[in-house]
């Protein structure tokens, strides 16, 4: 039996919702700002599916993920269908003054035996600080793209 851990972080981006959505919804670009993500490949025969590869601390994980809810400029929600059990959503909020909020919620399963061996508080802090840093890198990336447009 697995224990699910969930984390939510957000960042304000001084860029339009159109730009923010356009960058984030191109899943294959995620390794540009997500530290642990090595690659994302959207499957040609089913664009709702994508193959993800994550590397951290010498460990490598992969999974197949399905987008199960997509509302342009509002939400991308996913769930893994094989490999590393995870699910989550990224939500977008248009602040109308050319500013956007990006909120990322990620949940992942820790197998019971591993969960007992690990300090969940330490793991949770590490994951949360990493995804917060990912969102801050996304903000910097979006601002760079905005300045080039």
C-alpha atoms as a PDB file:
ATOM      1  CA  UNK A   1       0.000   0.000   0.000  1.00  0.00           C
ATOM      2  CA  UNK A   2       1.273   3.458  -0.902  1.00  0.00           C
ATOM      3  CA  UNK A   3       1.107   6.774   0.885  1.00  0.00           C
ATOM      4  CA  UNK A   4       0.350   9.816  -1.280  1.00  0.00           C
ATOM      5  CA  UNK A   5       2.202  13.074  -0.634  1.00  0.00           C
ATOM      6  CA  UNK A   6       0.934  16.314  -2.196  1.00  0.00           C
ATOM      7  CA  UNK A   7       2.560  19.725  -2.612  1.00  0.00           C
ATOM      8  CA  UNK A   8       1.261  23.013  -4.025  1.00  0.00           C
ATOM      9  CA  UNK A   9       3.345  26.037  -4.932  1.00  0.00           C
ATOM     10  CA  UNK A  10       2.686  29.136  -6.997  1.00  0.00           C
ATOM     11  CA  UNK A  11       4.466  32.021  -8.635  1.00  0.00           C
ATOM     12  CA  UNK A  12       3.422  35.350 -10.101  1.00  0.00           C
ATOM     13  CA  UNK A  13       4.759  35.986 -13.592  1.00  0.00           C
ATOM     14  CA  UNK A  14       4.954  39.442 -15.140  1.00  0.00           C
ATOM     15  CA  UNK A  15       3.717  38.121 -18.490  1.00  0.00           C
ATOM     16  CA  UNK A  16       0.391  37.677 -20.224  1.00  0.00           C
ATOM     17  CA  UNK A  17      -1.706  34.576 -19.763  1.00  0.00           C
ATOM     18  CA  UNK A  18      -1.274  33.889 -23.499  1.00  0.00           C
ATOM     19  CA  UNK A  19       2.515  33.730 -23.178  1.00  0.00           C
ATOM     20  CA  UNK A  20       2.484  31.783 -19.907  1.00  0.00           C
ATOM     21  CA  UNK A  21      -0.040  29.259 -21.253  1.00  0.00           C
ATOM     22  CA  UNK A  22       1.823  28.906 -24.547  1.00  0.00           C
ATOM     23  CA  UNK A  23       5.103  28.091 -22.817  1.00  0.00           C
ATOM     24  CA  UNK A  24       3.717  25.723 -20.210  1.00  0.00           C
ATOM     25  CA  UNK A  25       1.344  23.816 -22.488  1.00  0.00           C
ATOM     26  CA  UNK A  26       4.309  22.754 -24.669  1.00  0.00           C
ATOM     27  CA  UNK A  27       5.110  19.821 -22.364  1.00  0.00           C
ATOM     28  CA  UNK A  28       8.322  18.866 -24.175  1.00  0.00           C
ATOM     29  CA  UNK A  29       9.868  22.197 -23.061  1.00  0.00           C
ATOM     30  CA  UNK A  30       9.481  21.409 -19.336  1.00  0.00           C
ATOM     31  CA  UNK A  31      13.103  20.284 -18.821  1.00  0.00           C
ATOM     32  CA  UNK A  32      14.093  23.937 -19.501  1.00  0.00           C
ATOM     33  CA  UNK A  33      12.761  24.935 -16.080  1.00  0.00           C
ATOM     34  CA  UNK A  34      12.087  21.708 -14.153  1.00  0.00           C
ATOM     35  CA  UNK A  35      15.331  20.594 -12.476  1.00  0.00           C
ATOM     36  CA  UNK A  36      14.578  16.884 -12.058  1.00  0.00           C
ATOM     37  CA  UNK A  37      12.843  16.359 -15.411  1.00  0.00           C
ATOM     38  CA  UNK A  38      15.286  15.048 -18.016  1.00  0.00           C
ATOM     39  CA  UNK A  39      12.814  14.640 -20.857  1.00  0.00           C
ATOM     40  CA  UNK A  40       9.181  14.737 -21.878  1.00  0.00           C
ATOM     41  CA  UNK A  41       8.015  13.207 -25.147  1.00  0.00           C
ATOM     42  CA  UNK A  42       4.413  13.626 -26.300  1.00  0.00           C
ATOM     43  CA  UNK A  43       3.286  10.487 -28.147  1.00  0.00           C
ATOM     44  CA  UNK A  44       2.511  11.105 -31.793  1.00  0.00           C
ATOM     45  CA  UNK A  45      -0.339   8.585 -31.974  1.00  0.00           C
ATOM     46  CA  UNK A  46      -2.058   9.965 -28.831  1.00  0.00           C
ATOM     47  CA  UNK A  47      -1.199  13.595 -27.915  1.00  0.00           C
ATOM     48  CA  UNK A  48      -2.924  13.204 -24.522  1.00  0.00           C
ATOM     49  CA  UNK A  49      -0.136  10.776 -23.517  1.00  0.00           C
ATOM     50  CA  UNK A  50       3.462  11.717 -22.770  1.00  0.00           C
ATOM     51  CA  UNK A  51       6.522   9.763 -21.584  1.00  0.00           C
ATOM     52  CA  UNK A  52       8.419  11.462 -18.732  1.00  0.00           C
ATOM     53  CA  UNK A  53      11.891  10.776 -17.352  1.00  0.00           C
ATOM     54  CA  UNK A  54      13.060  12.116 -13.971  1.00  0.00           C
ATOM     55  CA  UNK A  55      16.530  11.853 -12.450  1.00  0.00           C
ATOM     56  CA  UNK A  56      17.510  12.800  -8.904  1.00  0.00           C
ATOM     57  CA  UNK A  57      20.217  11.665  -6.525  1.00  0.00           C
ATOM     58  CA  UNK A  58      21.433   8.992  -8.934  1.00  0.00           C
ATOM     59  CA  UNK A  59      17.938   7.498  -9.240  1.00  0.00           C
ATOM     60  CA  UNK A  60      15.988   7.459 -12.481  1.00  0.00           C
ATOM     61  CA  UNK A  61      12.223   7.157 -12.814  1.00  0.00           C
ATOM     62  CA  UNK A  62       9.954   7.164 -15.838  1.00  0.00           C
ATOM     63  CA  UNK A  63       6.232   7.137 -16.357  1.00  0.00           C
ATOM     64  CA  UNK A  64       3.529   7.506 -18.940  1.00  0.00           C
ATOM     65  CA  UNK A  65       1.174  10.348 -18.165  1.00  0.00           C
ATOM     66  CA  UNK A  66      -2.278  11.193 -19.522  1.00  0.00           C
ATOM     67  CA  UNK A  67      -3.716  14.698 -19.616  1.00  0.00           C
ATOM     68  CA  UNK A  68      -7.209  14.094 -18.286  1.00  0.00           C
ATOM     69  CA  UNK A  69      -8.384  17.708 -18.136  1.00  0.00           C
ATOM     70  CA  UNK A  70      -7.275  20.593 -20.305  1.00  0.00           C
ATOM     71  CA  UNK A  71      -8.995  23.970 -20.355  1.00  0.00           C
ATOM     72  CA  UNK A  72      -6.887  26.464 -22.355  1.00  0.00           C
ATOM     73  CA  UNK A  73      -5.421  29.263 -20.239  1.00  0.00           C
ATOM     74  CA  UNK A  74      -6.923  27.719 -17.070  1.00  0.00           C
ATOM     75  CA  UNK A  75      -5.772  24.180 -16.211  1.00  0.00           C
ATOM     76  CA  UNK A  76      -3.740  21.174 -17.287  1.00  0.00           C
ATOM     77  CA  UNK A  77      -4.478  18.151 -15.100  1.00  0.00           C
ATOM     78  CA  UNK A  78      -2.684  14.816 -15.424  1.00  0.00           C
ATOM     79  CA  UNK A  79      -2.311  11.378 -13.928  1.00  0.00           C
ATOM     80  CA  UNK A  80       0.303   8.714 -14.584  1.00  0.00           C
ATOM     81  CA  UNK A  81      -1.002   5.557 -16.236  1.00  0.00           C
ATOM     82  CA  UNK A  82       2.163   3.487 -15.702  1.00  0.00           C
ATOM     83  CA  UNK A  83       5.540   3.853 -14.045  1.00  0.00           C
ATOM     84  CA  UNK A  84       6.040   6.294 -11.167  1.00  0.00           C
ATOM     85  CA  UNK A  85       2.594   6.923  -9.613  1.00  0.00           C
ATOM     86  CA  UNK A  86       1.843  10.647  -9.716  1.00  0.00           C
ATOM     87  CA  UNK A  87      -0.896  13.133 -10.513  1.00  0.00           C
ATOM     88  CA  UNK A  88      -1.466  16.829 -10.348  1.00  0.00           C
ATOM     89  CA  UNK A  89      -2.497  20.010 -12.036  1.00  0.00           C
ATOM     90  CA  UNK A  90      -1.103  23.328 -13.113  1.00  0.00           C
ATOM     91  CA  UNK A  91      -3.593  26.187 -12.890  1.00  0.00           C
ATOM     92  CA  UNK A  92      -3.323  29.550 -14.568  1.00  0.00           C
ATOM     93  CA  UNK A  93      -4.854  32.791 -13.315  1.00  0.00           C
ATOM     94  CA  UNK A  94      -5.035  35.880 -15.530  1.00  0.00           C
ATOM     95  CA  UNK A  95      -4.486  39.051 -13.521  1.00  0.00           C
ATOM     96  CA  UNK A  96      -5.496  41.246 -16.521  1.00  0.00           C
ATOM     97  CA  UNK A  97      -2.661  43.748 -16.033  1.00  0.00           C
ATOM     98  CA  UNK A  98      -0.322  41.537 -18.048  1.00  0.00           C
ATOM     99  CA  UNK A  99       0.465  39.445 -14.986  1.00  0.00           C
ATOM    100  CA  UNK A 100      -0.351  35.768 -14.469  1.00  0.00           C
ATOM    101  CA  UNK A 101      -0.317  33.369 -11.539  1.00  0.00           C
ATOM    102  CA  UNK A 102       0.863  29.790 -12.087  1.00  0.00           C
ATOM    103  CA  UNK A 103      -0.078  27.285  -9.368  1.00  0.00           C
ATOM    104  CA  UNK A 104       1.374  23.793  -9.516  1.00  0.00           C
ATOM    105  CA  UNK A 105       0.030  20.908  -7.440  1.00  0.00           C
ATOM    106  CA  UNK A 106       1.905  17.598  -7.561  1.00  0.00           C
ATOM    107  CA  UNK A 107       1.042  14.372  -5.754  1.00  0.00           C
ATOM    108  CA  UNK A 108       3.084  11.182  -5.812  1.00  0.00           C
ATOM    109  CA  UNK A 109       2.869   7.785  -4.198  1.00  0.00           C
ATOM    110  CA  UNK A 110       5.527   6.474  -1.858  1.00  0.00           C
ATOM    111  CA  UNK A 111       5.397   2.695  -1.382  1.00  0.00           C
ATOM    112  CA  UNK A 112       4.625   1.857   2.248  1.00  0.00           C
ATOM    113  CA  UNK A 113       7.930   0.098   2.921  1.00  0.00           C
ATOM    114  CA  UNK A 114       9.978   2.964   1.471  1.00  0.00           C
ATOM    115  CA  UNK A 115       7.811   5.527   3.257  1.00  0.00           C
ATOM    116  CA  UNK A 116       8.644   3.878   6.568  1.00  0.00           C
ATOM    117  CA  UNK A 117      12.350   4.096   5.823  1.00  0.00           C
ATOM    118  CA  UNK A 118      12.281   7.739   4.749  1.00  0.00           C
ATOM    119  CA  UNK A 119      11.585  10.874   6.722  1.00  0.00           C
ATOM    120  CA  UNK A 120       8.445  12.162   4.975  1.00  0.00           C
ATOM    121  CA  UNK A 121       9.025  15.656   6.340  1.00  0.00           C
ATOM    122  CA  UNK A 122      12.502  15.812   4.814  1.00  0.00           C
ATOM    123  CA  UNK A 123      11.289  14.371   1.511  1.00  0.00           C
ATOM    124  CA  UNK A 124       8.329  16.754   1.455  1.00  0.00           C
ATOM    125  CA  UNK A 125      10.508  19.807   2.109  1.00  0.00           C
ATOM    126  CA  UNK A 126      12.963  18.732  -0.599  1.00  0.00           C
ATOM    127  CA  UNK A 127      10.228  18.208  -3.181  1.00  0.00           C
ATOM    128  CA  UNK A 128       8.387  21.406  -2.301  1.00  0.00           C
ATOM    129  CA  UNK A 129      11.527  23.563  -2.422  1.00  0.00           C
ATOM    130  CA  UNK A 130      12.493  21.971  -5.741  1.00  0.00           C
ATOM    131  CA  UNK A 131       9.133  22.604  -7.414  1.00  0.00           C
ATOM    132  CA  UNK A 132       9.055  26.162  -6.024  1.00  0.00           C
ATOM    133  CA  UNK A 133      12.501  26.720  -7.573  1.00  0.00           C
ATOM    134  CA  UNK A 134      11.169  25.176 -10.812  1.00  0.00           C
ATOM    135  CA  UNK A 135       8.359  27.739 -10.892  1.00  0.00           C
ATOM    136  CA  UNK A 136      10.834  30.546 -10.251  1.00  0.00           C
ATOM    137  CA  UNK A 137      12.969  29.261 -13.165  1.00  0.00           C
ATOM    138  CA  UNK A 138       9.788  29.196 -15.265  1.00  0.00           C
ATOM    139  CA  UNK A 139       9.140  32.846 -14.349  1.00  0.00           C
ATOM    140  CA  UNK A 140      12.670  33.801 -15.440  1.00  0.00           C
ATOM    141  CA  UNK A 141      12.285  31.789 -18.655  1.00  0.00           C
ATOM    142  CA  UNK A 142       8.937  33.459 -19.424  1.00  0.00           C
ATOM    143  CA  UNK A 143      10.402  36.922 -18.821  1.00  0.00           C
ATOM    144  CA  UNK A 144      13.315  36.104 -21.136  1.00  0.00           C
ATOM    145  CA  UNK A 145      10.939  34.915 -23.885  1.00  0.00           C
ATOM    146  CA  UNK A 146       8.752  38.006 -23.320  1.00  0.00           C
ATOM    147  CA  UNK A 147      11.766  40.315 -23.776  1.00  0.00           C
ATOM    148  CA  UNK A 148      12.667  38.559 -27.050  1.00  0.00           C
ATOM    149  CA  UNK A 149       9.181  38.984 -28.529  1.00  0.00           C
END
